């Protein structure tokens, strides 16, 4: 009877390892998603333009002229989910992404346990370029109350000259504020059964620090 000689497993492993290593390294070199994927953090500073608080939820804690500081983080490898060529929608649902703001010691931040964060870029659509951030689920130190509570943070920039953006690809730098108009600006809004408030600010500085 013919005997079949099995290859020693140790020899097989040693033979395969160099090839696996080469393949792994090649994957790192040639896979652009791995090479380019990185969190981008933009630090911002803003000046409060107006405070709408008819229900006195804030109790005078924030006033026009106050300074808002904070940052937002997004992953540069996110994929565009909008089918329109002129609009890029990039959604994030992990704690690494979102926005964190502070004014007069009060914090307004993306809920790390329930992230729903949108970065939208609009290039030459409806006679505008737009740069929009919106965080839908947030934790506020002070907020409205009730069953239908909604705390949102958003920042919108507009450019009617349509020259601020050249595409809807995710940028790897902070926006150049001089190229944009702050019509809506940076908004912190809370709405519930006991009323609502809106803090509207204009961003005066945006710098990438990572």
N, C-alpha and C. Protein backbone atom coordinates (compact mmCIF):
# COMPACT_ATOMS: atom_id res chain seq x y z
N UNK A 1 0.85 -1.19 0.00
CA UNK A 1 0.00 0.00 0.00
C UNK A 1 0.89 1.24 0.00
N UNK A 2 0.50 2.23 -0.78
CA UNK A 2 1.30 3.44 -0.91
C UNK A 2 1.08 4.35 0.30
N UNK A 3 2.18 4.87 0.83
CA UNK A 3 2.10 5.73 1.99
C UNK A 3 2.14 7.20 1.55
N UNK A 4 1.17 8.00 2.11
CA UNK A 4 1.13 9.44 1.81
C UNK A 4 1.81 10.19 2.93
N UNK A 5 2.83 10.92 2.61
CA UNK A 5 3.59 11.63 3.62
C UNK A 5 3.00 13.04 3.80
N UNK A 6 2.59 13.33 5.04
CA UNK A 6 2.00 14.64 5.35
C UNK A 6 3.10 15.64 5.63
N UNK A 7 2.88 16.87 5.18
CA UNK A 7 3.86 17.93 5.42
C UNK A 7 3.81 18.36 6.86
N UNK A 8 4.95 18.50 7.46
CA UNK A 8 5.04 18.94 8.85
C UNK A 8 4.35 20.30 9.00
N UNK A 9 3.35 20.43 9.94
CA UNK A 9 2.62 21.69 10.10
C UNK A 9 3.54 22.87 10.39
N UNK A 10 4.62 22.63 11.13
CA UNK A 10 5.55 23.71 11.45
C UNK A 10 6.21 24.24 10.20
N UNK A 11 6.61 23.31 9.32
CA UNK A 11 7.24 23.71 8.05
C UNK A 11 6.24 24.47 7.19
N UNK A 12 4.98 23.99 7.16
CA UNK A 12 3.95 24.65 6.37
C UNK A 12 3.72 26.07 6.85
N UNK A 13 3.65 26.28 8.16
CA UNK A 13 3.43 27.60 8.74
C UNK A 13 4.58 28.54 8.39
N UNK A 14 5.83 28.01 8.51
CA UNK A 14 6.98 28.84 8.21
C UNK A 14 7.04 29.21 6.73
N UNK A 15 6.51 28.32 5.89
CA UNK A 15 6.50 28.59 4.46
C UNK A 15 5.48 29.66 4.11
N UNK A 16 4.32 29.61 4.79
CA UNK A 16 3.25 30.53 4.47
C UNK A 16 3.46 31.93 5.04
N UNK A 17 4.11 32.03 6.21
CA UNK A 17 4.24 33.31 6.90
C UNK A 17 4.84 34.41 6.03
N UNK A 18 5.96 34.16 5.32
CA UNK A 18 6.51 35.23 4.49
C UNK A 18 5.53 35.73 3.45
N UNK A 19 4.76 34.78 2.85
CA UNK A 19 3.80 35.19 1.83
C UNK A 19 2.65 35.98 2.44
N UNK A 20 2.18 35.56 3.63
CA UNK A 20 1.12 36.30 4.30
C UNK A 20 1.58 37.69 4.69
N UNK A 21 2.83 37.78 5.15
CA UNK A 21 3.37 39.07 5.54
C UNK A 21 3.44 40.02 4.36
N UNK A 22 3.90 39.49 3.22
CA UNK A 22 3.99 40.31 2.02
C UNK A 22 2.61 40.79 1.59
N UNK A 23 1.63 39.87 1.64
CA UNK A 23 0.26 40.23 1.24
C UNK A 23 -0.31 41.28 2.17
N UNK A 24 -0.04 41.13 3.48
CA UNK A 24 -0.56 42.08 4.44
C UNK A 24 0.03 43.47 4.23
N UNK A 25 1.34 43.53 4.02
CA UNK A 25 2.00 44.81 3.78
C UNK A 25 1.51 45.42 2.49
N UNK A 26 1.33 44.59 1.46
CA UNK A 26 0.84 45.10 0.19
C UNK A 26 -0.55 45.69 0.35
N UNK A 27 -1.37 45.03 1.19
CA UNK A 27 -2.71 45.54 1.44
C UNK A 27 -2.66 46.91 2.09
N UNK A 28 -1.72 47.11 3.02
CA UNK A 28 -1.59 48.41 3.66
C UNK A 28 -1.15 49.47 2.67
N UNK A 29 -0.28 49.08 1.75
CA UNK A 29 0.25 50.05 0.80
C UNK A 29 -0.78 50.41 -0.25
N UNK A 30 -1.52 49.42 -0.73
CA UNK A 30 -2.39 49.66 -1.88
C UNK A 30 -3.83 49.95 -1.52
N UNK A 31 -4.23 49.72 -0.28
CA UNK A 31 -5.62 49.98 0.09
C UNK A 31 -5.76 51.43 0.51
N UNK A 32 -6.34 52.30 -0.33
CA UNK A 32 -6.41 53.72 -0.02
C UNK A 32 -7.28 54.02 1.19
N UNK A 33 -8.27 53.17 1.49
CA UNK A 33 -9.14 53.42 2.64
C UNK A 33 -8.34 53.34 3.93
N UNK A 34 -7.40 52.39 3.99
CA UNK A 34 -6.58 52.25 5.19
C UNK A 34 -5.59 53.39 5.30
N UNK A 35 -5.02 53.78 4.18
CA UNK A 35 -4.01 54.82 4.20
C UNK A 35 -4.61 56.17 4.58
N UNK A 36 -5.80 56.50 4.04
CA UNK A 36 -6.35 57.83 4.20
C UNK A 36 -7.27 57.97 5.41
N UNK A 37 -7.72 56.87 5.98
CA UNK A 37 -8.69 56.95 7.08
C UNK A 37 -8.03 57.54 8.31
N UNK A 38 -8.60 58.63 8.79
CA UNK A 38 -8.08 59.25 10.00
C UNK A 38 -9.13 60.21 10.54
N UNK A 39 -9.19 60.35 11.87
CA UNK A 39 -10.10 61.35 12.43
C UNK A 39 -9.53 62.74 12.27
N UNK A 40 -10.37 63.67 11.88
CA UNK A 40 -9.97 65.06 11.74
C UNK A 40 -10.68 65.88 12.81
N UNK A 41 -9.92 66.64 13.56
CA UNK A 41 -10.48 67.43 14.65
C UNK A 41 -10.28 68.92 14.35
N UNK A 42 -11.38 69.66 14.36
CA UNK A 42 -11.36 71.10 14.09
C UNK A 42 -11.79 71.84 15.36
N UNK A 43 -10.93 72.70 15.87
CA UNK A 43 -11.28 73.52 17.02
C UNK A 43 -11.93 74.81 16.53
N UNK A 44 -13.00 75.23 17.21
CA UNK A 44 -13.71 76.44 16.81
C UNK A 44 -13.94 77.36 18.00
N UNK A 45 -14.07 78.63 17.69
CA UNK A 45 -14.45 79.64 18.67
C UNK A 45 -15.51 80.50 18.02
N UNK A 46 -16.53 80.90 18.78
CA UNK A 46 -17.63 81.66 18.22
C UNK A 46 -18.10 82.72 19.21
N UNK A 47 -18.76 83.74 18.68
CA UNK A 47 -19.34 84.80 19.50
C UNK A 47 -20.86 84.71 19.41
N UNK A 48 -21.51 84.70 20.56
CA UNK A 48 -22.98 84.60 20.59
C UNK A 48 -23.59 85.85 19.94
N UNK A 49 -24.42 85.63 18.93
CA UNK A 49 -25.10 86.71 18.23
C UNK A 49 -26.42 87.07 18.92
N UNK A 50 -27.18 86.02 19.27
CA UNK A 50 -28.49 86.26 19.90
C UNK A 50 -28.88 85.06 20.75
N UNK A 51 -29.75 85.34 21.73
CA UNK A 51 -30.29 84.28 22.59
C UNK A 51 -31.81 84.45 22.63
N UNK A 52 -32.52 83.44 22.17
CA UNK A 52 -33.98 83.42 22.22
C UNK A 52 -34.39 82.48 23.33
N UNK A 53 -34.81 83.03 24.46
CA UNK A 53 -35.13 82.21 25.64
C UNK A 53 -36.33 82.79 26.37
N UNK A 54 -37.46 82.88 25.66
CA UNK A 54 -38.66 83.47 26.22
C UNK A 54 -39.19 82.71 27.44
N UNK A 55 -38.84 81.42 27.54
CA UNK A 55 -39.33 80.60 28.66
C UNK A 55 -38.33 80.57 29.82
N UNK A 56 -37.23 81.33 29.70
CA UNK A 56 -36.24 81.48 30.76
C UNK A 56 -35.63 80.15 31.21
N UNK A 57 -35.43 79.27 30.26
CA UNK A 57 -34.82 77.98 30.58
C UNK A 57 -33.35 78.15 30.95
N UNK A 58 -32.67 79.05 30.25
CA UNK A 58 -31.26 79.31 30.52
C UNK A 58 -31.06 80.20 31.74
N UNK A 59 -32.11 80.91 32.13
CA UNK A 59 -32.05 81.78 33.31
C UNK A 59 -30.91 82.80 33.21
N UNK A 60 -30.71 83.34 32.01
CA UNK A 60 -29.72 84.39 31.82
C UNK A 60 -28.28 83.92 31.81
N UNK A 61 -28.05 82.60 31.71
CA UNK A 61 -26.68 82.07 31.78
C UNK A 61 -25.86 82.38 30.54
N UNK A 62 -26.54 82.66 29.41
CA UNK A 62 -25.84 82.97 28.15
C UNK A 62 -26.44 84.24 27.58
N UNK A 63 -25.56 85.12 27.09
CA UNK A 63 -26.00 86.40 26.55
C UNK A 63 -25.22 86.74 25.30
N UNK A 64 -25.76 87.63 24.45
CA UNK A 64 -25.01 88.06 23.27
C UNK A 64 -23.65 88.61 23.65
N UNK A 65 -22.64 88.26 22.85
CA UNK A 65 -21.28 88.67 23.13
C UNK A 65 -20.46 87.62 23.85
N UNK A 66 -21.12 86.64 24.47
CA UNK A 66 -20.39 85.56 25.15
C UNK A 66 -19.64 84.72 24.12
N UNK A 67 -18.62 84.02 24.58
CA UNK A 67 -17.77 83.22 23.69
C UNK A 67 -18.07 81.73 23.83
N UNK A 68 -18.26 81.08 22.72
CA UNK A 68 -18.46 79.63 22.65
C UNK A 68 -17.17 79.00 22.15
N UNK A 69 -16.69 77.98 22.83
CA UNK A 69 -15.50 77.26 22.37
C UNK A 69 -15.82 75.77 22.25
N UNK A 70 -15.03 75.07 21.45
CA UNK A 70 -15.24 73.64 21.32
C UNK A 70 -14.55 73.08 20.10
N UNK A 71 -15.03 71.91 19.67
CA UNK A 71 -14.43 71.25 18.51
C UNK A 71 -15.41 70.25 17.92
N UNK A 72 -15.13 69.84 16.68
CA UNK A 72 -15.88 68.75 16.07
C UNK A 72 -14.89 67.78 15.44
N UNK A 73 -15.31 66.52 15.37
CA UNK A 73 -14.46 65.44 14.86
C UNK A 73 -15.23 64.65 13.82
N UNK A 74 -14.57 64.31 12.72
CA UNK A 74 -15.18 63.45 11.71
C UNK A 74 -14.10 62.58 11.09
N UNK A 75 -14.52 61.47 10.54
CA UNK A 75 -13.62 60.50 9.92
C UNK A 75 -13.53 60.79 8.43
N UNK A 76 -12.32 61.01 7.94
CA UNK A 76 -12.14 61.37 6.54
C UNK A 76 -12.44 60.24 5.56
N UNK A 77 -12.61 59.00 6.08
CA UNK A 77 -12.87 57.87 5.19
C UNK A 77 -14.36 57.59 5.01
N UNK A 78 -15.22 58.41 5.61
CA UNK A 78 -16.67 58.18 5.49
C UNK A 78 -17.11 58.25 4.03
N UNK A 79 -18.17 57.51 3.73
CA UNK A 79 -18.68 57.44 2.36
C UNK A 79 -19.90 58.34 2.18
N UNK A 80 -19.99 58.96 1.03
CA UNK A 80 -21.11 59.83 0.69
C UNK A 80 -22.37 58.99 0.46
N UNK A 81 -23.45 59.32 1.16
CA UNK A 81 -24.70 58.56 1.03
C UNK A 81 -25.75 59.28 0.18
N UNK A 82 -25.40 60.46 -0.35
CA UNK A 82 -26.37 61.21 -1.15
C UNK A 82 -26.12 60.94 -2.63
N UNK A 83 -27.16 60.55 -3.38
CA UNK A 83 -26.97 60.24 -4.81
C UNK A 83 -26.73 61.47 -5.68
N UNK A 84 -27.06 62.66 -5.19
CA UNK A 84 -26.85 63.86 -5.99
C UNK A 84 -25.36 64.18 -6.09
N UNK A 85 -24.93 64.51 -7.28
CA UNK A 85 -23.52 64.84 -7.49
C UNK A 85 -23.13 66.12 -6.75
N UNK A 86 -24.08 67.05 -6.60
CA UNK A 86 -23.77 68.34 -5.98
C UNK A 86 -23.88 68.33 -4.46
N UNK A 87 -24.33 67.22 -3.88
CA UNK A 87 -24.53 67.15 -2.43
C UNK A 87 -23.83 65.93 -1.86
N UNK A 88 -23.02 66.14 -0.83
CA UNK A 88 -22.37 65.03 -0.14
C UNK A 88 -22.88 64.94 1.29
N UNK A 89 -23.44 63.80 1.65
CA UNK A 89 -23.93 63.56 3.01
C UNK A 89 -23.08 62.47 3.65
N UNK A 90 -22.45 62.82 4.76
CA UNK A 90 -21.57 61.89 5.47
C UNK A 90 -22.11 61.71 6.89
N UNK A 91 -22.59 60.50 7.18
CA UNK A 91 -23.22 60.22 8.47
C UNK A 91 -22.25 59.47 9.38
N UNK A 92 -22.34 59.79 10.68
CA UNK A 92 -21.49 59.15 11.69
C UNK A 92 -22.36 58.69 12.86
N UNK A 93 -22.04 57.48 13.36
CA UNK A 93 -22.84 56.93 14.46
C UNK A 93 -21.98 56.33 15.56
N UNK A 94 -20.69 56.69 15.60
CA UNK A 94 -19.82 56.19 16.66
C UNK A 94 -19.31 57.36 17.50
N UNK A 95 -18.92 57.04 18.73
CA UNK A 95 -18.55 58.07 19.71
C UNK A 95 -17.33 58.88 19.31
N UNK A 96 -16.54 58.37 18.36
CA UNK A 96 -15.35 59.11 17.94
C UNK A 96 -15.70 60.40 17.20
N UNK A 97 -16.91 60.49 16.66
CA UNK A 97 -17.31 61.65 15.87
C UNK A 97 -18.38 62.46 16.60
N UNK A 98 -18.49 63.73 16.22
CA UNK A 98 -19.49 64.59 16.83
C UNK A 98 -18.94 65.96 17.14
N UNK A 99 -19.67 66.70 17.96
CA UNK A 99 -19.31 68.07 18.28
C UNK A 99 -19.45 68.31 19.77
N UNK A 100 -18.53 69.08 20.33
CA UNK A 100 -18.54 69.42 21.75
C UNK A 100 -18.34 70.92 21.89
N UNK A 101 -19.28 71.57 22.61
CA UNK A 101 -19.23 73.01 22.79
C UNK A 101 -19.36 73.36 24.27
N UNK A 102 -18.81 74.53 24.60
CA UNK A 102 -18.93 75.03 25.98
C UNK A 102 -19.08 76.54 25.93
N UNK A 103 -19.99 77.07 26.76
CA UNK A 103 -20.14 78.51 26.89
C UNK A 103 -20.47 78.82 28.34
N UNK A 104 -19.67 79.66 28.95
CA UNK A 104 -19.85 80.04 30.36
C UNK A 104 -19.96 78.83 31.28
N UNK A 105 -19.17 77.80 30.99
CA UNK A 105 -19.16 76.61 31.83
C UNK A 105 -20.24 75.60 31.51
N UNK A 106 -21.18 75.93 30.65
CA UNK A 106 -22.25 75.00 30.25
C UNK A 106 -21.80 74.19 29.04
N UNK A 107 -22.02 72.88 29.09
CA UNK A 107 -21.61 71.99 28.01
C UNK A 107 -22.80 71.58 27.14
N UNK A 108 -22.56 71.55 25.85
CA UNK A 108 -23.54 71.10 24.86
C UNK A 108 -22.79 70.15 23.93
N UNK A 109 -23.03 68.85 24.04
CA UNK A 109 -22.17 67.88 23.36
C UNK A 109 -22.99 66.76 22.71
N UNK A 110 -22.42 66.18 21.65
CA UNK A 110 -23.00 64.98 21.04
C UNK A 110 -23.03 63.86 22.07
N UNK A 111 -24.16 63.17 22.15
CA UNK A 111 -24.31 62.05 23.08
C UNK A 111 -23.44 60.89 22.58
N UNK A 112 -22.36 60.53 23.31
CA UNK A 112 -21.47 59.47 22.81
C UNK A 112 -22.13 58.10 22.75
N UNK A 113 -23.23 57.92 23.49
CA UNK A 113 -23.93 56.64 23.49
C UNK A 113 -25.01 56.56 22.41
N UNK A 114 -25.24 57.68 21.71
CA UNK A 114 -26.32 57.69 20.71
C UNK A 114 -25.99 58.72 19.63
N UNK A 115 -24.87 58.52 18.95
CA UNK A 115 -24.39 59.48 17.97
C UNK A 115 -25.22 59.44 16.68
N UNK A 116 -25.67 60.61 16.27
CA UNK A 116 -26.29 60.78 14.95
C UNK A 116 -25.81 62.13 14.44
N UNK A 117 -24.70 62.09 13.70
CA UNK A 117 -23.97 63.29 13.32
C UNK A 117 -23.83 63.34 11.80
N UNK A 118 -24.25 64.45 11.22
CA UNK A 118 -24.22 64.62 9.77
C UNK A 118 -23.25 65.74 9.40
N UNK A 119 -22.40 65.46 8.42
CA UNK A 119 -21.55 66.47 7.78
C UNK A 119 -22.00 66.53 6.33
N UNK A 120 -22.57 67.67 5.94
CA UNK A 120 -23.09 67.82 4.58
C UNK A 120 -22.35 68.93 3.84
N UNK A 121 -21.98 68.62 2.60
CA UNK A 121 -21.31 69.58 1.73
C UNK A 121 -22.11 69.76 0.45
N UNK A 122 -22.35 70.99 0.08
CA UNK A 122 -23.14 71.29 -1.11
C UNK A 122 -22.30 72.16 -2.04
N UNK A 123 -22.16 71.72 -3.28
CA UNK A 123 -21.33 72.42 -4.25
C UNK A 123 -22.17 72.82 -5.46
N UNK A 124 -22.38 74.12 -5.62
CA UNK A 124 -23.10 74.66 -6.79
C UNK A 124 -24.50 74.06 -6.93
N UNK A 125 -25.28 74.13 -5.86
CA UNK A 125 -26.65 73.59 -5.89
C UNK A 125 -27.60 74.67 -5.37
N UNK A 126 -28.64 74.95 -6.15
CA UNK A 126 -29.58 76.02 -5.80
C UNK A 126 -28.85 77.35 -5.59
N UNK A 127 -27.86 77.58 -6.43
CA UNK A 127 -27.09 78.83 -6.43
C UNK A 127 -26.31 79.06 -5.14
N UNK A 128 -25.90 77.98 -4.49
CA UNK A 128 -25.16 78.10 -3.24
C UNK A 128 -24.11 77.01 -3.10
N UNK A 129 -23.07 77.31 -2.35
CA UNK A 129 -22.23 76.30 -1.70
C UNK A 129 -22.61 76.31 -0.22
N UNK A 130 -22.62 75.13 0.40
CA UNK A 130 -22.96 75.05 1.82
C UNK A 130 -22.02 74.10 2.55
N UNK A 131 -21.77 74.44 3.80
CA UNK A 131 -20.97 73.62 4.71
C UNK A 131 -21.83 73.46 5.95
N UNK A 132 -22.29 72.23 6.23
CA UNK A 132 -23.25 72.03 7.31
C UNK A 132 -22.86 70.88 8.22
N UNK A 133 -22.89 71.14 9.50
CA UNK A 133 -22.75 70.11 10.53
C UNK A 133 -24.05 70.08 11.32
N UNK A 134 -24.53 68.87 11.64
CA UNK A 134 -25.72 68.77 12.48
C UNK A 134 -25.63 67.53 13.36
N UNK A 135 -25.75 67.75 14.67
CA UNK A 135 -25.77 66.66 15.64
C UNK A 135 -27.18 66.56 16.19
N UNK A 136 -27.80 65.39 16.01
CA UNK A 136 -29.22 65.24 16.33
C UNK A 136 -29.47 64.77 17.77
N UNK A 137 -28.57 64.01 18.34
CA UNK A 137 -28.74 63.50 19.70
C UNK A 137 -27.64 64.07 20.58
N UNK A 138 -28.04 64.87 21.58
CA UNK A 138 -27.05 65.61 22.34
C UNK A 138 -27.38 65.64 23.83
N UNK A 139 -26.33 65.90 24.62
CA UNK A 139 -26.47 66.07 26.06
C UNK A 139 -26.19 67.53 26.39
N UNK A 140 -27.16 68.20 27.01
CA UNK A 140 -27.03 69.60 27.38
C UNK A 140 -27.01 69.71 28.90
N UNK A 141 -26.14 70.56 29.44
CA UNK A 141 -26.15 70.82 30.88
C UNK A 141 -27.45 71.50 31.30
N UNK A 142 -27.99 72.34 30.42
CA UNK A 142 -29.29 72.98 30.64
C UNK A 142 -30.12 72.75 29.40
N UNK A 143 -31.35 72.27 29.56
CA UNK A 143 -32.19 72.01 28.39
C UNK A 143 -33.66 72.10 28.77
N UNK A 144 -34.50 72.10 27.76
CA UNK A 144 -35.93 71.98 27.98
C UNK A 144 -36.21 70.59 28.52
N UNK A 145 -37.43 70.36 28.96
CA UNK A 145 -37.81 69.05 29.49
C UNK A 145 -39.10 68.58 28.85
N UNK A 146 -39.40 67.29 29.04
CA UNK A 146 -40.66 66.75 28.54
C UNK A 146 -40.49 65.49 27.73
N UNK A 147 -41.60 64.94 27.31
CA UNK A 147 -41.61 63.69 26.56
C UNK A 147 -41.01 63.88 25.18
N UNK A 148 -41.29 65.00 24.55
CA UNK A 148 -40.83 65.23 23.18
C UNK A 148 -39.65 66.21 23.18
N UNK A 149 -38.62 65.87 23.94
CA UNK A 149 -37.43 66.71 24.04
C UNK A 149 -36.58 66.57 22.79
N UNK A 150 -36.09 67.69 22.30
CA UNK A 150 -35.19 67.68 21.15
C UNK A 150 -34.06 68.68 21.40
N UNK A 151 -32.85 68.17 21.51
CA UNK A 151 -31.66 69.00 21.66
C UNK A 151 -30.79 68.85 20.42
N UNK A 152 -30.56 69.92 19.70
CA UNK A 152 -29.78 69.83 18.47
C UNK A 152 -28.66 70.88 18.45
N UNK A 153 -27.59 70.54 17.75
CA UNK A 153 -26.49 71.47 17.50
C UNK A 153 -26.23 71.48 16.00
N UNK A 154 -26.13 72.66 15.42
CA UNK A 154 -25.86 72.74 13.99
C UNK A 154 -24.98 73.94 13.68
N UNK A 155 -24.26 73.82 12.59
CA UNK A 155 -23.44 74.93 12.09
C UNK A 155 -23.55 74.95 10.58
N UNK A 156 -24.00 76.06 10.05
CA UNK A 156 -24.16 76.18 8.59
C UNK A 156 -23.45 77.42 8.08
N UNK A 157 -22.68 77.21 7.01
CA UNK A 157 -22.04 78.30 6.29
C UNK A 157 -22.59 78.32 4.87
N UNK A 158 -22.74 79.50 4.29
CA UNK A 158 -23.31 79.65 2.95
C UNK A 158 -22.40 80.52 2.08
N UNK A 159 -22.36 80.18 0.80
CA UNK A 159 -21.58 80.97 -0.15
C UNK A 159 -22.36 81.16 -1.44
N UNK A 160 -23.01 82.32 -1.61
CA UNK A 160 -23.78 82.56 -2.85
C UNK A 160 -22.90 82.75 -4.07
N UNK A 161 -21.58 82.97 -3.90
CA UNK A 161 -20.70 83.09 -5.06
C UNK A 161 -20.32 81.71 -5.61
N UNK A 162 -20.59 80.66 -4.85
CA UNK A 162 -20.33 79.27 -5.25
C UNK A 162 -18.85 79.02 -5.58
N UNK A 163 -17.98 79.69 -4.84
CA UNK A 163 -16.53 79.51 -5.06
C UNK A 163 -15.84 78.89 -3.85
N UNK A 164 -16.53 78.74 -2.73
CA UNK A 164 -15.90 78.23 -1.51
C UNK A 164 -15.53 76.76 -1.64
N UNK A 165 -16.37 76.00 -2.36
CA UNK A 165 -16.12 74.57 -2.56
C UNK A 165 -15.90 74.27 -4.03
N UNK A 166 -15.08 73.27 -4.30
CA UNK A 166 -14.88 72.82 -5.68
C UNK A 166 -15.43 71.41 -5.88
N UNK A 167 -15.82 70.74 -4.77
CA UNK A 167 -16.41 69.41 -4.85
C UNK A 167 -17.12 69.13 -3.54
N UNK A 168 -17.74 67.95 -3.45
CA UNK A 168 -18.42 67.54 -2.22
C UNK A 168 -17.59 66.52 -1.45
N UNK A 169 -16.32 66.39 -1.79
CA UNK A 169 -15.44 65.48 -1.06
C UNK A 169 -15.16 66.04 0.33
N UNK A 170 -14.98 65.14 1.30
CA UNK A 170 -14.69 65.59 2.66
C UNK A 170 -13.36 66.36 2.69
N UNK A 171 -13.36 67.53 3.29
CA UNK A 171 -12.12 68.31 3.36
C UNK A 171 -11.20 67.78 4.45
N UNK A 172 -9.91 67.99 4.28
CA UNK A 172 -8.95 67.61 5.33
C UNK A 172 -8.40 68.84 6.05
N UNK A 173 -9.06 69.99 5.84
CA UNK A 173 -8.68 71.23 6.51
C UNK A 173 -9.92 71.91 7.06
N UNK A 174 -9.70 72.85 7.96
CA UNK A 174 -10.81 73.66 8.47
C UNK A 174 -11.32 74.58 7.37
N UNK A 175 -12.60 74.96 7.41
CA UNK A 175 -13.10 75.89 6.40
C UNK A 175 -12.43 77.26 6.55
N UNK A 176 -12.18 77.92 5.42
CA UNK A 176 -11.65 79.28 5.44
C UNK A 176 -12.84 80.22 5.60
N UNK A 177 -12.99 80.76 6.78
CA UNK A 177 -14.21 81.49 7.13
C UNK A 177 -14.44 82.71 6.25
N UNK A 178 -13.37 83.32 5.75
CA UNK A 178 -13.52 84.51 4.91
C UNK A 178 -14.21 84.21 3.59
N UNK A 179 -14.29 82.94 3.22
CA UNK A 179 -14.95 82.56 1.97
C UNK A 179 -16.45 82.31 2.15
N UNK A 180 -16.92 82.38 3.40
CA UNK A 180 -18.30 82.00 3.71
C UNK A 180 -19.07 83.13 4.37
N UNK A 181 -20.40 83.03 4.28
CA UNK A 181 -21.30 83.88 5.04
C UNK A 181 -21.90 83.07 6.18
N UNK A 182 -22.10 83.72 7.34
CA UNK A 182 -22.70 83.06 8.49
C UNK A 182 -24.13 83.55 8.65
N UNK A 183 -25.01 83.07 7.78
CA UNK A 183 -26.40 83.50 7.81
C UNK A 183 -27.12 82.86 8.99
N UNK A 184 -27.03 81.54 9.09
CA UNK A 184 -27.64 80.83 10.20
C UNK A 184 -26.65 80.68 11.35
N UNK A 185 -25.41 80.41 11.02
CA UNK A 185 -24.38 80.33 12.03
C UNK A 185 -24.40 79.05 12.84
N UNK A 186 -23.81 79.13 14.03
CA UNK A 186 -23.72 77.99 14.94
C UNK A 186 -24.90 78.06 15.90
N UNK A 187 -25.76 77.04 15.86
CA UNK A 187 -26.99 77.04 16.66
C UNK A 187 -26.97 75.93 17.71
N UNK A 188 -27.36 76.30 18.93
CA UNK A 188 -27.61 75.35 20.00
C UNK A 188 -29.08 75.51 20.35
N UNK A 189 -29.89 74.48 20.12
CA UNK A 189 -31.33 74.61 20.28
C UNK A 189 -31.89 73.49 21.13
N UNK A 190 -32.78 73.84 22.05
CA UNK A 190 -33.46 72.85 22.87
C UNK A 190 -34.95 73.14 22.84
N UNK A 191 -35.75 72.09 22.61
CA UNK A 191 -37.20 72.25 22.54
C UNK A 191 -37.88 71.10 23.27
N UNK A 192 -38.84 71.43 24.11
CA UNK A 192 -39.55 70.41 24.88
C UNK A 192 -40.93 70.87 25.29
N UNK A 193 -41.55 70.15 26.21
CA UNK A 193 -42.90 70.47 26.64
C UNK A 193 -42.97 71.80 27.38
N UNK A 194 -41.87 72.22 27.99
CA UNK A 194 -41.88 73.47 28.77
C UNK A 194 -41.31 74.66 28.00
N UNK A 195 -41.15 74.52 26.68
CA UNK A 195 -40.68 75.63 25.88
C UNK A 195 -39.40 75.31 25.12
N UNK A 196 -38.69 76.35 24.71
CA UNK A 196 -37.49 76.14 23.93
C UNK A 196 -36.53 77.31 24.13
N UNK A 197 -35.28 77.09 23.72
CA UNK A 197 -34.33 78.20 23.61
C UNK A 197 -33.44 77.96 22.41
N UNK A 198 -32.90 79.07 21.91
CA UNK A 198 -31.98 79.02 20.77
C UNK A 198 -30.83 79.98 21.03
N UNK A 199 -29.63 79.44 21.03
CA UNK A 199 -28.41 80.24 21.11
C UNK A 199 -27.79 80.26 19.72
N UNK A 200 -27.72 81.43 19.12
CA UNK A 200 -27.15 81.53 17.76
C UNK A 200 -25.85 82.31 17.82
N UNK A 201 -24.81 81.73 17.24
CA UNK A 201 -23.48 82.32 17.30
C UNK A 201 -22.83 82.35 15.93
N UNK A 202 -21.80 83.18 15.80
CA UNK A 202 -21.01 83.25 14.59
C UNK A 202 -19.60 82.77 14.88
N UNK A 203 -19.15 81.75 14.15
CA UNK A 203 -17.82 81.20 14.35
C UNK A 203 -16.78 82.19 13.85
N UNK A 204 -15.81 82.52 14.69
CA UNK A 204 -14.78 83.50 14.36
C UNK A 204 -13.42 82.85 14.11
N UNK A 205 -13.29 81.58 14.52
CA UNK A 205 -12.01 80.88 14.33
C UNK A 205 -12.28 79.39 14.14
N UNK A 206 -11.62 78.79 13.16
CA UNK A 206 -11.71 77.35 12.91
C UNK A 206 -10.33 76.86 12.49
N UNK A 207 -9.76 75.97 13.30
CA UNK A 207 -8.39 75.53 13.06
C UNK A 207 -8.31 74.02 13.23
N UNK A 208 -7.71 73.34 12.27
CA UNK A 208 -7.47 71.92 12.42
C UNK A 208 -6.30 71.69 13.36
N UNK A 209 -6.51 70.86 14.38
CA UNK A 209 -5.42 70.57 15.32
C UNK A 209 -5.01 69.11 15.26
N UNK A 210 -5.71 68.29 14.48
CA UNK A 210 -5.34 66.88 14.32
C UNK A 210 -5.84 66.37 12.99
